[in-house]
């Protein structure tokens, strides 16, 4: 996080509560949502650490060919390992006739990303469908032009949002 090693303040102790309900709005080309916190900043100015959790009450992970609406999201900072938070994030999407589920677990340094679907597909097929618009069966495949248009729309969405701001207040 930070470290202040000036002799006269480095050993000052910290005990700060950092609480906020939906206080942080995140808007990027890959994720949009709100974040709440229930954290404590502890330790010293030289060696601070977080304890508690960040939660994501609303959010969407954005892919070119499908958006996954988060159903739950939590990032936990534990005193035993405060610099490698634990992840517990899940969401679903309905796209191209499939229900896609995404689960993220593990730690921030070693996240475990798992996709599943109904009807069942392999993880590779799901990732190709969400990122490139490639359907698992040849009879429903998107044309090259349609894939290009969706990809351009996805890439332009972040630029337009940066230039003009988002008008979507639902998240």
Protein backbone atom coordinates (compact mmCIF):
# COMPACT_ATOMS: atom_id res chain seq x y z
CA UNK A 1 0.00 0.00 0.00
CA UNK A 2 2.39 2.65 1.24
CA UNK A 3 5.26 2.95 3.69
CA UNK A 4 6.60 5.96 5.54
CA UNK A 5 10.07 5.30 6.88
CA UNK A 6 10.92 8.73 8.34
CA UNK A 7 12.26 8.00 11.85
CA UNK A 8 10.02 10.45 13.69
CA UNK A 9 6.72 8.98 12.36
CA UNK A 10 7.46 5.46 11.07
CA UNK A 11 6.35 3.77 14.31
CA UNK A 12 3.08 5.68 14.68
CA UNK A 13 0.27 3.14 14.99
CA UNK A 14 -2.71 3.04 12.68
CA UNK A 15 -6.27 2.05 13.50
CA UNK A 16 -8.57 3.54 10.88
CA UNK A 17 -12.03 2.32 9.88
CA UNK A 18 -12.72 2.62 6.16
CA UNK A 19 -16.43 2.08 5.59
CA UNK A 20 -18.59 3.10 2.72
CA UNK A 21 -21.75 1.75 1.14
CA UNK A 22 -21.45 1.78 -2.66
CA UNK A 23 -19.00 4.66 -2.29
CA UNK A 24 -16.66 3.82 -5.16
CA UNK A 25 -17.83 3.80 -8.75
CA UNK A 26 -15.56 1.85 -11.10
CA UNK A 27 -15.80 2.43 -14.84
CA UNK A 28 -13.30 0.78 -17.16
CA UNK A 29 -13.46 -0.92 -20.56
CA UNK A 30 -13.61 -4.30 -18.77
CA UNK A 31 -15.64 -3.70 -15.60
CA UNK A 32 -18.33 -1.32 -14.40
CA UNK A 33 -19.79 -1.35 -10.95
CA UNK A 34 -19.98 -0.03 -7.42
CA UNK A 35 -17.82 -1.09 -4.50
CA UNK A 36 -18.53 -1.01 -0.77
CA UNK A 37 -15.92 -1.34 1.96
CA UNK A 38 -15.72 -2.51 5.54
CA UNK A 39 -11.99 -2.30 6.18
CA UNK A 40 -9.57 -1.40 8.93
CA UNK A 41 -6.14 0.05 8.21
CA UNK A 42 -3.85 -1.26 10.94
CA UNK A 43 -0.15 -1.56 11.72
CA UNK A 44 2.30 1.34 11.65
CA UNK A 45 3.01 4.04 9.10
CA UNK A 46 6.05 2.01 8.08
CA UNK A 47 4.19 -1.32 7.84
CA UNK A 48 0.45 -0.72 7.31
CA UNK A 49 -1.98 -3.50 6.41
CA UNK A 50 -5.69 -3.91 5.68
CA UNK A 51 -8.14 -6.18 7.47
CA UNK A 52 -11.73 -6.68 6.32
CA UNK A 53 -13.46 -6.81 2.95
CA UNK A 54 -14.46 -4.95 -0.17
CA UNK A 55 -17.79 -6.04 -1.61
CA UNK A 56 -19.25 -5.52 -5.05
CA UNK A 57 -23.02 -5.04 -4.63
CA UNK A 58 -23.48 -4.31 -8.35
CA UNK A 59 -21.19 -4.83 -11.27
CA UNK A 60 -20.75 -6.09 -14.80
CA UNK A 61 -17.73 -7.72 -16.43
CA UNK A 62 -17.69 -6.54 -20.04
CA UNK A 63 -16.74 -8.82 -22.94
CA UNK A 64 -17.18 -7.99 -26.65
CA UNK A 65 -19.87 -10.67 -27.13
CA UNK A 66 -21.54 -10.86 -23.73
CA UNK A 67 -21.60 -9.10 -20.37
CA UNK A 68 -21.52 -11.02 -17.11
CA UNK A 69 -23.66 -9.46 -14.38
CA UNK A 70 -22.11 -10.10 -10.98
CA UNK A 71 -24.34 -11.75 -8.42
CA UNK A 72 -21.81 -11.50 -5.62
CA UNK A 73 -18.33 -10.16 -5.19
CA UNK A 74 -16.05 -10.04 -2.19
CA UNK A 75 -12.34 -9.33 -1.78
CA UNK A 76 -11.16 -10.24 1.73
CA UNK A 77 -8.01 -8.97 3.43
CA UNK A 78 -6.97 -11.29 6.27
CA UNK A 79 -4.44 -10.39 8.98
CA UNK A 80 -2.45 -13.59 8.24
CA UNK A 81 -1.80 -12.50 4.64
CA UNK A 82 -3.03 -8.91 4.15
CA UNK A 83 -1.07 -8.25 0.93
CA UNK A 84 -2.67 -11.13 -1.00
CA UNK A 85 -6.45 -10.73 -0.69
CA UNK A 86 -8.82 -13.66 -1.23
CA UNK A 87 -11.37 -13.45 -4.06
CA UNK A 88 -14.95 -14.72 -4.13
CA UNK A 89 -16.73 -13.35 -7.20
CA UNK A 90 -19.49 -14.90 -9.31
CA UNK A 91 -21.88 -13.84 -12.03
CA UNK A 92 -24.06 -14.96 -14.92
CA UNK A 93 -24.93 -13.94 -18.44
CA UNK A 94 -27.44 -14.94 -21.07
CA UNK A 95 -25.81 -14.75 -24.47
CA UNK A 96 -26.19 -16.47 -27.85
CA UNK A 97 -28.63 -19.01 -26.41
CA UNK A 98 -26.40 -20.00 -23.48
CA UNK A 99 -26.43 -19.26 -19.78
CA UNK A 100 -22.82 -18.55 -18.85
CA UNK A 101 -21.55 -18.66 -15.28
CA UNK A 102 -18.24 -17.17 -14.14
CA UNK A 103 -16.62 -17.89 -10.76
CA UNK A 104 -13.41 -16.27 -9.52
CA UNK A 105 -11.75 -17.64 -6.39
CA UNK A 106 -8.28 -17.98 -4.92
CA UNK A 107 -6.02 -15.06 -4.19
CA UNK A 108 -5.25 -11.86 -6.06
CA UNK A 109 -1.79 -13.27 -6.89
CA UNK A 110 -3.17 -16.64 -8.01
CA UNK A 111 -6.78 -16.14 -9.14
CA UNK A 112 -8.78 -19.17 -10.26
CA UNK A 113 -11.20 -18.31 -13.07
CA UNK A 114 -13.85 -20.90 -13.90
CA UNK A 115 -16.50 -20.69 -16.63
CA UNK A 116 -19.46 -23.04 -17.05
CA UNK A 117 -22.57 -22.96 -19.20
CA UNK A 118 -25.99 -24.39 -19.86
CA UNK A 119 -26.11 -26.12 -22.34
CA UNK A 120 -22.64 -27.36 -21.39
CA UNK A 121 -19.57 -26.05 -23.22
CA UNK A 122 -15.86 -26.31 -22.54
CA UNK A 123 -14.16 -23.34 -20.86
CA UNK A 124 -12.25 -22.69 -24.08
CA UNK A 125 -15.49 -22.55 -26.10
CA UNK A 126 -17.04 -20.13 -23.59
CA UNK A 127 -14.01 -17.83 -23.67
CA UNK A 128 -13.95 -17.86 -27.49
CA UNK A 129 -17.68 -17.12 -27.59
CA UNK A 130 -17.42 -14.18 -25.14
CA UNK A 131 -14.23 -12.65 -26.55
CA UNK A 132 -14.34 -13.40 -30.28
CA UNK A 133 -17.96 -14.27 -31.04
CA UNK A 134 -16.99 -17.77 -32.19
CA UNK A 135 -19.89 -20.13 -31.66
CA UNK A 136 -19.27 -23.73 -30.58
CA UNK A 137 -21.21 -25.14 -33.57
CA UNK A 138 -20.52 -24.16 -37.16
CA UNK A 139 -24.20 -23.71 -38.06
CA UNK A 140 -24.64 -20.64 -35.80
CA UNK A 141 -21.23 -18.99 -36.28
CA UNK A 142 -21.22 -15.22 -36.59
CA UNK A 143 -19.98 -13.82 -39.88
CA UNK A 144 -16.58 -12.12 -40.01
CA UNK A 145 -18.27 -8.74 -40.53
CA UNK A 146 -20.54 -9.18 -37.52
CA UNK A 147 -17.59 -10.20 -35.35
CA UNK A 148 -15.63 -7.15 -36.52
CA UNK A 149 -18.55 -4.82 -35.82
CA UNK A 150 -19.07 -6.16 -32.28
CA UNK A 151 -15.35 -5.98 -31.53
CA UNK A 152 -15.17 -2.37 -32.79
CA UNK A 153 -18.22 -1.49 -30.68
CA UNK A 154 -16.60 -3.06 -27.61
CA UNK A 155 -13.31 -1.21 -28.09
CA UNK A 156 -15.08 2.07 -28.88
CA UNK A 157 -17.32 1.81 -25.83
CA UNK A 158 -14.42 2.52 -23.45
CA UNK A 159 -13.21 5.46 -25.55
CA UNK A 160 -16.69 7.01 -25.81
CA UNK A 161 -17.22 6.59 -22.09
CA UNK A 162 -13.91 8.36 -21.37
CA UNK A 163 -14.76 11.23 -23.72
CA UNK A 164 -18.42 11.74 -22.92
CA UNK A 165 -19.00 9.98 -19.59
CA UNK A 166 -21.43 7.18 -19.01
CA UNK A 167 -25.15 7.80 -19.07
CA UNK A 168 -25.88 4.39 -17.56
CA UNK A 169 -26.64 5.08 -13.89
CA UNK A 170 -28.14 1.63 -13.23
CA UNK A 171 -24.90 0.17 -11.90
